[in-house]
Amino acid sequence: MLLISNCFFAQVHEQRIVESNQLNAPVFISVEPLAEKSENYQTLSEKEYVISFCQQYAPEYVSLIQSSYSSPNNWSRTVNGVGQTINFNPQNREEIIKEFETIIHETTHHKNSFSGFLIEPSVYLVLSEQERQISNNFFNSDFIARVVSSEAQDKIFRYKTYVSKQSGVGANVEGIVGLMDEYSAYQNGCTAALIAYDNALKNKDTTLAITFLKSAMATHYAYYEFNIFIGAYVQYARLYNPEVHQQILKLNTLKRAYSLNTQRFLNSLQIIQSASTRLKGNYRSVKYTADYYNKTYVDFEKEYMKNFDSDLQALKSNP
C-alpha cells in the first residue's frame, strides 16, 4: 500500500501514502491483488504501454513490470473518505507519468507476495520455509505503541495507516515481515522515480524531471518512518518478548533485505538532497516542496529515529 500526503494521500491492499500537489488532502489507494487475475488482451496492451514508457525513463525496472505488473485499474482510491474510480488510460502519457511511482510501488508488493523482498529488479531475496514458519508466530506491529511516544504517533505521517491498532494492512498484521515488504515497496518506488528524474534531465526535459523529483519527494521520508517502525518492533521484542527478539535476529534473509534496501534508500535520499546543485536555478520550483516536507515530517522523524539506532544496527548484516 502507498500513502501520500497532500502536497496526496494513497492506500492499497498493502498500503502506500504519498503527497500530491495540493498540500494536506488525504488520499488512500487500495490495491486488489493480481495473482489470481488472468490477463486478457486489454491488460497485455496496457502493460506494453507501461513497459514502453519504462524502457525510456527507468529501463532497470522493465523486467519487474514484465513479471509482476500491478495495474492501476485494479486499485481503488479514496480521497477524504470518498471512493474514486480509477480509469487508467495507458495511451495517455500524462497518466503513466502521474501513476509511475505508484505502479512501481504496487508492482513491488505483487512481486513480494511470493514470500520475498525485492531489493532491485535483479535482486530478490526469498524467505526460507523455516523463516516463514518462524515469522508466522510474530506479534502485530501495533504493539510498538508501547515504545513509541504519543507525540510521535501523532506526528509520524504514516503511523496510523500502517501500525495503529485499527490498521488491517500487511505492515501491521504480518509484523516485521509486513514492515519489510512495505519498506521494499517504498524504496523501489522512490528509486524508480529518481532514475526517471535522471533520465529526463539527460533528455533535457527539465519539466518532466521535476515532476519525477517531486514524486520521489512525496515518499522519500517513508525511509525515516519505516526505520522507526522496524526499529521499534525490534526494541519492543527485545524489552518485552525476548524469545521473538532472538528469532528475529536469526532471520538472515530479512536482515539482508533490511541492509540492502537501506543502502538503496539512502542513495535516493542523497540524490534528493543534491538536487539543488544539479537543477541550479530550476530548483526554485521544488524548493517550497522540499522545505514543506522537511519542516512538516523529516525534521521530527529523522531525530526520533535515533531512539532506535541500536536496535536497527542489530538488524544490519554484511550484504
C-alpha atoms as a PDB file:
ATOM      1  CA  MET A   1       0.000   0.000   0.000  1.00  0.00           C
ATOM      2  CA  LEU A   2       1.123   3.522  -0.791  1.00  0.00           C
ATOM      3  CA  LEU A   3       0.345   6.552   1.338  1.00  0.00           C
ATOM      4  CA  ILE A   4       0.838  10.088   0.051  1.00  0.00           C
ATOM      5  CA  SER A   5       0.310  13.380   1.988  1.00  0.00           C
ATOM      6  CA  ASN A   6      -1.233  16.199   0.062  1.00  0.00           C
ATOM      7  CA  CYS A   7       1.488  18.394  -1.284  1.00  0.00           C
ATOM      8  CA  PHE A   8      -1.644  13.457  -1.923  1.00  0.00           C
ATOM      9  CA  PHE A   9      -2.574  10.507   0.170  1.00  0.00           C
ATOM     10  CA  ALA A  10      -2.701   6.985  -1.336  1.00  0.00           C
ATOM     11  CA  GLN A  11      -3.986   3.320   0.378  1.00  0.00           C
ATOM     12  CA  VAL A  12      -3.720  -0.273  -1.087  1.00  0.00           C
ATOM     13  CA  HIS A  13      -4.053  -3.854  -0.047  1.00  0.00           C
ATOM     14  CA  GLU A  14      -0.608  -3.312   1.350  1.00  0.00           C
ATOM     15  CA  GLN A  15      -0.844   0.487   1.728  1.00  0.00           C
ATOM     16  CA  ARG A  16       1.014   3.352   0.250  1.00  0.00           C
ATOM     17  CA  ILE A  17       0.843   7.002   1.166  1.00  0.00           C
ATOM     18  CA  VAL A  18       2.381   9.799  -0.895  1.00  0.00           C
ATOM     19  CA  GLU A  19       1.825  13.507  -1.477  1.00  0.00           C
ATOM     20  CA  SER A  20       0.064  15.339  -4.296  1.00  0.00           C
ATOM     21  CA  ASN A  21       0.458  18.886  -5.483  1.00  0.00           C
ATOM     22  CA  GLN A  22      -2.414  20.062  -3.254  1.00  0.00           C
ATOM     23  CA  LEU A  23      -0.994  20.029   0.257  1.00  0.00           C
ATOM     24  CA  ASN A  24      -2.824  18.317   3.091  1.00  0.00           C
ATOM     25  CA  ALA A  25      -5.588  16.424   1.228  1.00  0.00           C
ATOM     26  CA  PRO A  26      -5.612  12.779   2.396  1.00  0.00           C
ATOM     27  CA  VAL A  27      -5.686  10.213  -0.427  1.00  0.00           C
ATOM     28  CA  PHE A  28      -5.705   6.429   0.079  1.00  0.00           C
ATOM     29  CA  ILE A  29      -5.077   3.875  -2.655  1.00  0.00           C
ATOM     30  CA  SER A  30      -6.378   0.353  -2.153  1.00  0.00           C
ATOM     31  CA  VAL A  31      -4.940  -2.241  -4.476  1.00  0.00           C
ATOM     32  CA  GLU A  32      -6.510  -5.586  -5.183  1.00  0.00           C
ATOM     33  CA  PRO A  33      -4.057  -8.490  -5.596  1.00  0.00           C
ATOM     34  CA  LEU A  34      -3.370  -9.537  -9.188  1.00  0.00           C
ATOM     35  CA  ALA A  35      -2.175 -13.072  -8.584  1.00  0.00           C
ATOM     36  CA  GLU A  36      -5.494 -14.721  -9.406  1.00  0.00           C
ATOM     37  CA  LYS A  37      -6.418 -12.386 -12.243  1.00  0.00           C
ATOM     38  CA  SER A  38      -5.793 -13.740 -15.737  1.00  0.00           C
ATOM     39  CA  GLU A  39      -4.547 -11.192 -18.222  1.00  0.00           C
ATOM     40  CA  ASN A  40      -6.662 -10.538 -21.299  1.00  0.00           C
ATOM     41  CA  TYR A  41      -5.671  -8.663 -24.431  1.00  0.00           C
ATOM     42  CA  GLN A  42      -6.519  -5.290 -22.911  1.00  0.00           C
ATOM     43  CA  THR A  43      -4.332  -5.903 -19.854  1.00  0.00           C
ATOM     44  CA  LEU A  44      -1.424  -7.042 -22.007  1.00  0.00           C
ATOM     45  CA  SER A  45      -1.814  -3.959 -24.170  1.00  0.00           C
ATOM     46  CA  GLU A  46      -1.836  -1.773 -21.067  1.00  0.00           C
ATOM     47  CA  LYS A  47       1.289  -3.474 -19.776  1.00  0.00           C
ATOM     48  CA  GLU A  48       3.032  -2.929 -23.104  1.00  0.00           C
ATOM     49  CA  TYR A  49       2.386   0.826 -22.924  1.00  0.00           C
ATOM     50  CA  VAL A  50       3.815   0.946 -19.404  1.00  0.00           C
ATOM     51  CA  ILE A  51       6.827  -1.139 -20.431  1.00  0.00           C
ATOM     52  CA  SER A  52       7.496   1.177 -23.348  1.00  0.00           C
ATOM     53  CA  PHE A  53       7.453   4.186 -21.010  1.00  0.00           C
ATOM     54  CA  CYS A  54       9.643   2.369 -18.523  1.00  0.00           C
ATOM     55  CA  GLN A  55      12.166   1.486 -21.225  1.00  0.00           C
ATOM     56  CA  GLN A  56      12.645   5.186 -21.871  1.00  0.00           C
ATOM     57  CA  TYR A  57      12.784   6.516 -18.318  1.00  0.00           C
ATOM     58  CA  ALA A  58      13.577   3.631 -15.947  1.00  0.00           C
ATOM     59  CA  PRO A  59      14.858   0.702 -18.034  1.00  0.00           C
ATOM     60  CA  GLU A  60      16.139  -1.090 -14.925  1.00  0.00           C
ATOM     61  CA  TYR A  61      12.510  -1.708 -13.937  1.00  0.00           C
ATOM     62  CA  VAL A  62      11.250  -3.186 -17.209  1.00  0.00           C
ATOM     63  CA  SER A  63      11.823  -6.766 -16.016  1.00  0.00           C
ATOM     64  CA  LEU A  64       9.793  -6.109 -12.858  1.00  0.00           C
ATOM     65  CA  ILE A  65       6.861  -4.752 -14.886  1.00  0.00           C
ATOM     66  CA  GLN A  66       7.101  -7.755 -17.198  1.00  0.00           C
ATOM     67  CA  SER A  67       6.951 -10.285 -14.365  1.00  0.00           C
ATOM     68  CA  SER A  68       4.700  -8.705 -11.745  1.00  0.00           C
ATOM     69  CA  TYR A  69       2.754  -5.759 -13.169  1.00  0.00           C
ATOM     70  CA  SER A  70       0.094  -4.204 -10.903  1.00  0.00           C
ATOM     71  CA  SER A  71      -2.472  -2.303 -12.946  1.00  0.00           C
ATOM     72  CA  PRO A  72      -3.916   0.999 -11.681  1.00  0.00           C
ATOM     73  CA  ASN A  73      -7.259  -0.271 -12.913  1.00  0.00           C
ATOM     74  CA  ASN A  74      -7.130  -2.839 -10.101  1.00  0.00           C
ATOM     75  CA  TRP A  75      -6.711  -0.142  -7.457  1.00  0.00           C
ATOM     76  CA  SER A  76      -9.366   1.824  -5.611  1.00  0.00           C
ATOM     77  CA  ARG A  77      -8.567   5.353  -4.489  1.00  0.00           C
ATOM     78  CA  THR A  78     -10.180   7.173  -1.567  1.00  0.00           C
ATOM     79  CA  VAL A  79      -9.856  10.946  -1.202  1.00  0.00           C
ATOM     80  CA  ASN A  80     -11.111  12.467   2.066  1.00  0.00           C
ATOM     81  CA  GLY A  81     -13.109   9.301   2.701  1.00  0.00           C
ATOM     82  CA  VAL A  82     -14.808   9.347  -0.715  1.00  0.00           C
ATOM     83  CA  GLY A  83     -14.139   6.484  -3.130  1.00  0.00           C
ATOM     84  CA  GLN A  84     -12.990   7.376  -6.619  1.00  0.00           C
ATOM     85  CA  THR A  85     -12.926   5.197  -9.701  1.00  0.00           C
ATOM     86  CA  ILE A  86      -9.571   4.884 -11.423  1.00  0.00           C
ATOM     87  CA  ASN A  87      -9.871   4.777 -15.197  1.00  0.00           C
ATOM     88  CA  PHE A  88      -6.225   4.445 -16.127  1.00  0.00           C
ATOM     89  CA  ASN A  89      -5.612   5.020 -19.835  1.00  0.00           C
ATOM     90  CA  PRO A  90      -2.059   3.913 -20.673  1.00  0.00           C
ATOM     91  CA  GLN A  91      -2.308   5.554 -24.085  1.00  0.00           C
ATOM     92  CA  ASN A  92      -2.282   8.884 -22.267  1.00  0.00           C
ATOM     93  CA  ARG A  93       1.361   9.527 -21.418  1.00  0.00           C
ATOM     94  CA  GLU A  94       0.412  12.008 -18.692  1.00  0.00           C
ATOM     95  CA  GLU A  95      -1.476   9.300 -16.841  1.00  0.00           C
ATOM     96  CA  ILE A  96       1.546   6.996 -16.863  1.00  0.00           C
ATOM     97  CA  ILE A  97       3.710   9.854 -15.562  1.00  0.00           C
ATOM     98  CA  LYS A  98       1.186  10.547 -12.788  1.00  0.00           C
ATOM     99  CA  GLU A  99       0.950   6.909 -11.684  1.00  0.00           C
ATOM    100  CA  PHE A 100       4.506   5.778 -12.426  1.00  0.00           C
ATOM    101  CA  GLU A 101       5.934   5.677  -8.901  1.00  0.00           C
ATOM    102  CA  THR A 102       2.763   4.084  -7.519  1.00  0.00           C
ATOM    103  CA  ILE A 103       2.885   1.443 -10.272  1.00  0.00           C
ATOM    104  CA  ILE A 104       6.420   0.517  -9.231  1.00  0.00           C
ATOM    105  CA  HIS A 105       5.410   0.523  -5.544  1.00  0.00           C
ATOM    106  CA  GLU A 106       2.400  -1.744  -6.080  1.00  0.00           C
ATOM    107  CA  THR A 107       4.228  -3.964  -8.558  1.00  0.00           C
ATOM    108  CA  THR A 108       6.906  -4.455  -5.897  1.00  0.00           C
ATOM    109  CA  HIS A 109       4.191  -5.620  -3.491  1.00  0.00           C
ATOM    110  CA  HIS A 110       2.942  -8.061  -6.111  1.00  0.00           C
ATOM    111  CA  LYS A 111       6.465  -9.415  -6.518  1.00  0.00           C
ATOM    112  CA  ASN A 112       6.939  -9.608  -2.745  1.00  0.00           C
ATOM    113  CA  SER A 113       3.719 -11.603  -2.348  1.00  0.00           C
ATOM    114  CA  PHE A 114       5.735 -14.666  -3.364  1.00  0.00           C
ATOM    115  CA  SER A 115       7.417 -14.759   0.084  1.00  0.00           C
ATOM    116  CA  GLY A 116      10.340 -12.491  -0.642  1.00  0.00           C
ATOM    117  CA  PHE A 117      11.697  -8.957  -0.656  1.00  0.00           C
ATOM    118  CA  LEU A 118      12.633  -7.011  -3.764  1.00  0.00           C
ATOM    119  CA  ILE A 119      15.866  -5.045  -3.461  1.00  0.00           C
ATOM    120  CA  GLU A 120      16.052  -4.074  -7.109  1.00  0.00           C
ATOM    121  CA  PRO A 121      14.707  -5.825 -10.201  1.00  0.00           C
ATOM    122  CA  SER A 122      17.776  -8.068 -10.426  1.00  0.00           C
ATOM    123  CA  VAL A 123      17.905  -8.874  -6.698  1.00  0.00           C
ATOM    124  CA  TYR A 124      15.037 -10.679  -4.985  1.00  0.00           C
ATOM    125  CA  LEU A 125      15.543 -12.375  -1.617  1.00  0.00           C
ATOM    126  CA  VAL A 126      13.228 -15.264  -0.711  1.00  0.00           C
ATOM    127  CA  LEU A 127      12.459 -16.331   2.845  1.00  0.00           C
ATOM    128  CA  SER A 128      13.212 -19.979   3.539  1.00  0.00           C
ATOM    129  CA  GLU A 129      10.372 -22.257   4.617  1.00  0.00           C
ATOM    130  CA  GLN A 130      11.797 -22.282   8.143  1.00  0.00           C
ATOM    131  CA  GLU A 131      11.960 -18.461   8.217  1.00  0.00           C
ATOM    132  CA  ARG A 132       8.351 -18.223   7.045  1.00  0.00           C
ATOM    133  CA  GLN A 133       7.190 -20.606   9.743  1.00  0.00           C
ATOM    134  CA  ILE A 134       9.078 -18.713  12.459  1.00  0.00           C
ATOM    135  CA  SER A 135       7.729 -15.318  11.378  1.00  0.00           C
ATOM    136  CA  ASN A 136       4.133 -16.578  11.343  1.00  0.00           C
ATOM    137  CA  ASN A 137       4.227 -16.511  15.143  1.00  0.00           C
ATOM    138  CA  PHE A 138       5.340 -12.872  15.478  1.00  0.00           C
ATOM    139  CA  PHE A 139       3.147 -10.187  17.053  1.00  0.00           C
ATOM    140  CA  ASN A 140       1.337  -7.413  15.172  1.00  0.00           C
ATOM    141  CA  SER A 141       3.230  -4.187  14.584  1.00  0.00           C
ATOM    142  CA  ASP A 142       0.699  -2.145  16.597  1.00  0.00           C
ATOM    143  CA  PHE A 143       2.420  -3.443  19.760  1.00  0.00           C
ATOM    144  CA  ILE A 144       5.114  -0.829  19.124  1.00  0.00           C
ATOM    145  CA  ALA A 145       2.779   1.795  20.630  1.00  0.00           C
ATOM    146  CA  ARG A 146       4.347   0.811  23.958  1.00  0.00           C
ATOM    147  CA  VAL A 147       7.763   2.108  22.854  1.00  0.00           C
ATOM    148  CA  VAL A 148       6.678   4.954  20.543  1.00  0.00           C
ATOM    149  CA  SER A 149       5.612   8.159  22.286  1.00  0.00           C
ATOM    150  CA  SER A 150       2.112   9.581  21.869  1.00  0.00           C
ATOM    151  CA  GLU A 151       3.655  12.678  20.324  1.00  0.00           C
ATOM    152  CA  ALA A 152       5.437  10.587  17.696  1.00  0.00           C
ATOM    153  CA  GLN A 153       2.316   8.566  16.952  1.00  0.00           C
ATOM    154  CA  ASP A 154       0.536  11.841  16.175  1.00  0.00           C
ATOM    155  CA  LYS A 155       3.358  13.399  14.169  1.00  0.00           C
ATOM    156  CA  ILE A 156       4.550  10.471  12.044  1.00  0.00           C
ATOM    157  CA  PHE A 157       2.598  10.762   8.811  1.00  0.00           C
ATOM    158  CA  ARG A 158       2.195   7.058   8.050  1.00  0.00           C
ATOM    159  CA  TYR A 159       1.825   5.766  11.629  1.00  0.00           C
ATOM    160  CA  LYS A 160      -1.955   5.430  11.773  1.00  0.00           C
ATOM    161  CA  THR A 161      -2.207   3.847   8.337  1.00  0.00           C
ATOM    162  CA  TYR A 162       0.380   1.145   8.875  1.00  0.00           C
ATOM    163  CA  VAL A 163       0.924   0.357  12.540  1.00  0.00           C
ATOM    164  CA  SER A 164      -2.025   1.610  14.596  1.00  0.00           C
ATOM    165  CA  LYS A 165      -4.379  -0.788  16.361  1.00  0.00           C
ATOM    166  CA  GLN A 166      -7.037  -0.027  13.749  1.00  0.00           C
ATOM    167  CA  SER A 167      -4.817  -0.860  10.782  1.00  0.00           C
ATOM    168  CA  GLY A 168      -5.569  -4.059   8.891  1.00  0.00           C
ATOM    169  CA  VAL A 169      -2.773  -3.798   6.335  1.00  0.00           C
ATOM    170  CA  GLY A 170       0.098  -6.256   5.979  1.00  0.00           C
ATOM    171  CA  ALA A 171       2.589  -3.923   7.655  1.00  0.00           C
ATOM    172  CA  ASN A 172       0.594  -4.392  10.867  1.00  0.00           C
ATOM    173  CA  VAL A 173      -0.867  -7.892  10.771  1.00  0.00           C
ATOM    174  CA  GLU A 174       2.262  -9.528   9.318  1.00  0.00           C
ATOM    175  CA  GLY A 175       4.597  -7.913  11.854  1.00  0.00           C
ATOM    176  CA  ILE A 176       8.169  -7.177  10.900  1.00  0.00           C
ATOM    177  CA  VAL A 177       7.880  -9.187   7.673  1.00  0.00           C
ATOM    178  CA  GLY A 178       4.995  -6.944   6.566  1.00  0.00           C
ATOM    179  CA  LEU A 179       7.003  -3.867   7.537  1.00  0.00           C
ATOM    180  CA  MET A 180       9.928  -5.071   5.415  1.00  0.00           C
ATOM    181  CA  ASP A 181       7.615  -5.652   2.448  1.00  0.00           C
ATOM    182  CA  GLU A 182       6.383  -2.060   2.716  1.00  0.00           C
ATOM    183  CA  TYR A 183       9.918  -0.724   3.188  1.00  0.00           C
ATOM    184  CA  SER A 184      10.927  -2.552   0.000  1.00  0.00           C
ATOM    185  CA  ALA A 185       7.965  -1.092  -1.919  1.00  0.00           C
ATOM    186  CA  TYR A 186       8.637   2.490  -0.842  1.00  0.00           C
ATOM    187  CA  GLN A 187      12.342   2.132  -1.582  1.00  0.00           C
ATOM    188  CA  ASN A 188      11.790   0.787  -5.092  1.00  0.00           C
ATOM    189  CA  GLY A 189       9.091   3.329  -5.932  1.00  0.00           C
ATOM    190  CA  CYS A 190      11.278   6.218  -4.810  1.00  0.00           C
ATOM    191  CA  THR A 191      14.350   4.804  -6.558  1.00  0.00           C
ATOM    192  CA  ALA A 192      12.484   4.307  -9.841  1.00  0.00           C
ATOM    193  CA  ALA A 193      11.119   7.864  -9.748  1.00  0.00           C
ATOM    194  CA  LEU A 194      14.658   9.208  -9.294  1.00  0.00           C
ATOM    195  CA  ILE A 195      16.004   7.083 -12.134  1.00  0.00           C
ATOM    196  CA  ALA A 196      13.259   8.628 -14.291  1.00  0.00           C
ATOM    197  CA  TYR A 197      14.239  12.075 -12.982  1.00  0.00           C
ATOM    198  CA  ASP A 198      17.840  11.439 -14.024  1.00  0.00           C
ATOM    199  CA  ASN A 199      16.923  10.212 -17.499  1.00  0.00           C
ATOM    200  CA  ALA A 200      14.508  13.094 -18.090  1.00  0.00           C
ATOM    201  CA  LEU A 201      17.310  15.538 -17.237  1.00  0.00           C
ATOM    202  CA  LYS A 202      19.649  13.723 -19.615  1.00  0.00           C
ATOM    203  CA  ASN A 203      16.958  14.160 -22.278  1.00  0.00           C
ATOM    204  CA  LYS A 204      16.874  17.878 -21.387  1.00  0.00           C
ATOM    205  CA  ASP A 205      13.255  17.660 -20.278  1.00  0.00           C
ATOM    206  CA  THR A 206      13.578  19.642 -17.055  1.00  0.00           C
ATOM    207  CA  THR A 207       9.824  19.978 -16.533  1.00  0.00           C
ATOM    208  CA  LEU A 208       9.323  16.208 -16.570  1.00  0.00           C
ATOM    209  CA  ALA A 209      12.415  15.694 -14.425  1.00  0.00           C
ATOM    210  CA  ILE A 210      10.992  17.988 -11.760  1.00  0.00           C
ATOM    211  CA  THR A 211       7.685  16.075 -11.871  1.00  0.00           C
ATOM    212  CA  PHE A 212       9.521  12.836 -11.118  1.00  0.00           C
ATOM    213  CA  LEU A 213      11.610  14.522  -8.423  1.00  0.00           C
ATOM    214  CA  LYS A 214       8.514  15.832  -6.666  1.00  0.00           C
ATOM    215  CA  SER A 215       7.011  12.351  -6.828  1.00  0.00           C
ATOM    216  CA  ALA A 216      10.079  10.950  -5.072  1.00  0.00           C
ATOM    217  CA  MET A 217       9.988  13.757  -2.514  1.00  0.00           C
ATOM    218  CA  ALA A 218       6.428  12.770  -1.625  1.00  0.00           C
ATOM    219  CA  THR A 219       7.563   9.329  -0.460  1.00  0.00           C
ATOM    220  CA  HIS A 220      11.245   9.651   0.450  1.00  0.00           C
ATOM    221  CA  TYR A 221      10.592  10.311   4.135  1.00  0.00           C
ATOM    222  CA  ALA A 222       8.980   6.865   4.399  1.00  0.00           C
ATOM    223  CA  TYR A 223      12.639   5.915   4.914  1.00  0.00           C
ATOM    224  CA  TYR A 224      12.598   7.517   8.369  1.00  0.00           C
ATOM    225  CA  GLU A 225       9.101   6.301   9.195  1.00  0.00           C
ATOM    226  CA  PHE A 226       9.695   2.656   8.400  1.00  0.00           C
ATOM    227  CA  ASN A 227      13.041   2.694  10.151  1.00  0.00           C
ATOM    228  CA  ILE A 228      11.157   3.942  13.215  1.00  0.00           C
ATOM    229  CA  PHE A 229       8.531   1.214  12.818  1.00  0.00           C
ATOM    230  CA  ILE A 230      11.092  -1.546  12.233  1.00  0.00           C
ATOM    231  CA  GLY A 231      13.409  -0.309  14.978  1.00  0.00           C
ATOM    232  CA  ALA A 232      10.505  -0.003  17.419  1.00  0.00           C
ATOM    233  CA  TYR A 233       9.381  -3.541  16.543  1.00  0.00           C
ATOM    234  CA  VAL A 234      12.816  -4.925  17.365  1.00  0.00           C
ATOM    235  CA  GLN A 235      13.030  -2.806  20.509  1.00  0.00           C
ATOM    236  CA  TYR A 236       9.633  -3.957  21.764  1.00  0.00           C
ATOM    237  CA  ALA A 237      10.653  -7.574  21.170  1.00  0.00           C
ATOM    238  CA  ARG A 238      13.942  -7.043  22.997  1.00  0.00           C
ATOM    239  CA  LEU A 239      12.248  -5.479  26.013  1.00  0.00           C
ATOM    240  CA  TYR A 240       9.027  -7.494  26.262  1.00  0.00           C
ATOM    241  CA  ASN A 241       9.315 -10.650  24.138  1.00  0.00           C
ATOM    242  CA  PRO A 242      12.935 -11.892  24.206  1.00  0.00           C
ATOM    243  CA  GLU A 243      12.052 -15.180  22.513  1.00  0.00           C
ATOM    244  CA  VAL A 244      10.726 -13.382  19.434  1.00  0.00           C
ATOM    245  CA  HIS A 245      13.680 -10.997  19.596  1.00  0.00           C
ATOM    246  CA  GLN A 246      16.113 -13.903  19.296  1.00  0.00           C
ATOM    247  CA  GLN A 247      14.082 -15.352  16.427  1.00  0.00           C
ATOM    248  CA  ILE A 248      14.126 -12.021  14.566  1.00  0.00           C
ATOM    249  CA  LEU A 249      17.907 -11.859  14.816  1.00  0.00           C
ATOM    250  CA  LYS A 250      18.127 -15.335  13.237  1.00  0.00           C
ATOM    251  CA  LEU A 251      16.123 -14.290  10.147  1.00  0.00           C
ATOM    252  CA  ASN A 252      19.132 -13.786   7.893  1.00  0.00           C
ATOM    253  CA  THR A 253      17.052 -13.158   4.757  1.00  0.00           C
ATOM    254  CA  LEU A 254      15.073 -10.403   6.460  1.00  0.00           C
ATOM    255  CA  LYS A 255      18.244  -8.850   7.894  1.00  0.00           C
ATOM    256  CA  ARG A 256      19.919  -8.871   4.488  1.00  0.00           C
ATOM    257  CA  ALA A 257      16.783  -7.352   2.902  1.00  0.00           C
ATOM    258  CA  TYR A 258      16.869  -4.586   5.504  1.00  0.00           C
ATOM    259  CA  SER A 259      20.561  -3.852   4.913  1.00  0.00           C
ATOM    260  CA  LEU A 260      20.324  -3.773   1.123  1.00  0.00           C
ATOM    261  CA  ASN A 261      17.074  -1.792   0.950  1.00  0.00           C
ATOM    262  CA  THR A 262      18.555   0.705   3.410  1.00  0.00           C
ATOM    263  CA  GLN A 263      21.623   1.201   1.214  1.00  0.00           C
ATOM    264  CA  ARG A 264      19.460   1.933  -1.825  1.00  0.00           C
ATOM    265  CA  PHE A 265      17.081   4.180   0.099  1.00  0.00           C
ATOM    266  CA  LEU A 266      19.994   6.212   1.463  1.00  0.00           C
ATOM    267  CA  ASN A 267      21.297   6.631  -2.076  1.00  0.00           C
ATOM    268  CA  SER A 268      17.893   8.013  -3.098  1.00  0.00           C
ATOM    269  CA  LEU A 269      17.933  10.446  -0.197  1.00  0.00           C
ATOM    270  CA  GLN A 270      21.350  11.655  -1.304  1.00  0.00           C
ATOM    271  CA  ILE A 271      20.072  12.279  -4.842  1.00  0.00           C
ATOM    272  CA  ILE A 272      17.178  14.337  -3.468  1.00  0.00           C
ATOM    273  CA  GLN A 273      19.474  16.301  -1.164  1.00  0.00           C
ATOM    274  CA  SER A 274      21.819  17.129  -4.056  1.00  0.00           C
ATOM    275  CA  ALA A 275      19.028  18.205  -6.423  1.00  0.00           C
ATOM    276  CA  SER A 276      19.646  21.914  -5.825  1.00  0.00           C
ATOM    277  CA  THR A 277      23.188  21.527  -7.179  1.00  0.00           C
ATOM    278  CA  ARG A 278      22.062  19.662 -10.256  1.00  0.00           C
ATOM    279  CA  LEU A 279      18.968  21.723 -11.060  1.00  0.00           C
ATOM    280  CA  LYS A 280      20.632  25.068 -10.281  1.00  0.00           C
ATOM    281  CA  GLY A 281      18.145  27.867 -10.946  1.00  0.00           C
ATOM    282  CA  ASN A 282      15.366  25.405 -11.732  1.00  0.00           C
ATOM    283  CA  TYR A 283      15.467  24.218  -8.119  1.00  0.00           C
ATOM    284  CA  ARG A 284      13.328  27.229  -7.198  1.00  0.00           C
ATOM    285  CA  SER A 285      10.292  25.330  -8.471  1.00  0.00           C
ATOM    286  CA  VAL A 286      10.827  22.497  -5.975  1.00  0.00           C
ATOM    287  CA  LYS A 287      12.310  24.357  -3.006  1.00  0.00           C
ATOM    288  CA  TYR A 288       8.920  25.015  -1.408  1.00  0.00           C
ATOM    289  CA  THR A 289       8.039  21.313  -1.677  1.00  0.00           C
ATOM    290  CA  ALA A 290      11.369  20.275  -0.147  1.00  0.00           C
ATOM    291  CA  ASP A 291      11.058  22.794   2.676  1.00  0.00           C
ATOM    292  CA  TYR A 292       7.481  21.694   3.393  1.00  0.00           C
ATOM    293  CA  TYR A 293       8.386  18.012   3.740  1.00  0.00           C
ATOM    294  CA  ASN A 294      11.436  18.784   5.850  1.00  0.00           C
ATOM    295  CA  LYS A 295       9.588  21.059   8.230  1.00  0.00           C
ATOM    296  CA  THR A 296       6.396  19.001   8.441  1.00  0.00           C
ATOM    297  CA  TYR A 297       7.811  15.466   8.585  1.00  0.00           C
ATOM    298  CA  VAL A 298      11.523  14.889   8.058  1.00  0.00           C
ATOM    299  CA  ASP A 299      12.993  17.042  10.822  1.00  0.00           C
ATOM    300  CA  PHE A 300      10.981  15.359  13.568  1.00  0.00           C
ATOM    301  CA  GLU A 301      11.147  11.816  12.141  1.00  0.00           C
ATOM    302  CA  LYS A 302      14.883  11.931  11.487  1.00  0.00           C
ATOM    303  CA  GLU A 303      15.545  12.961  15.089  1.00  0.00           C
ATOM    304  CA  TYR A 304      13.062  10.492  16.563  1.00  0.00           C
ATOM    305  CA  MET A 305      14.594   7.610  14.610  1.00  0.00           C
ATOM    306  CA  LYS A 306      17.715   7.967  16.788  1.00  0.00           C
ATOM    307  CA  ASN A 307      15.783   6.316  19.637  1.00  0.00           C
ATOM    308  CA  PHE A 308      16.050   3.022  17.759  1.00  0.00           C
ATOM    309  CA  ASP A 309      19.618   3.205  16.435  1.00  0.00           C
ATOM    310  CA  SER A 310      20.966   0.266  18.441  1.00  0.00           C
ATOM    311  CA  ASP A 311      18.039  -1.989  17.530  1.00  0.00           C
ATOM    312  CA  LEU A 312      18.325  -1.112  13.850  1.00  0.00           C
ATOM    313  CA  GLN A 313      22.055  -1.757  13.995  1.00  0.00           C
ATOM    314  CA  ALA A 314      21.321  -5.273  15.296  1.00  0.00           C
ATOM    315  CA  LEU A 315      19.335  -5.931  12.105  1.00  0.00           C
ATOM    316  CA  LYS A 316      22.135  -4.962   9.771  1.00  0.00           C
ATOM    317  CA  SER A 317      24.086  -7.750   8.145  1.00  0.00           C
ATOM    318  CA  ASN A 318      27.004  -7.811   5.773  1.00  0.00           C
ATOM    319  CA  PRO A 319      25.360  -7.916   2.340  1.00  0.00           C
END
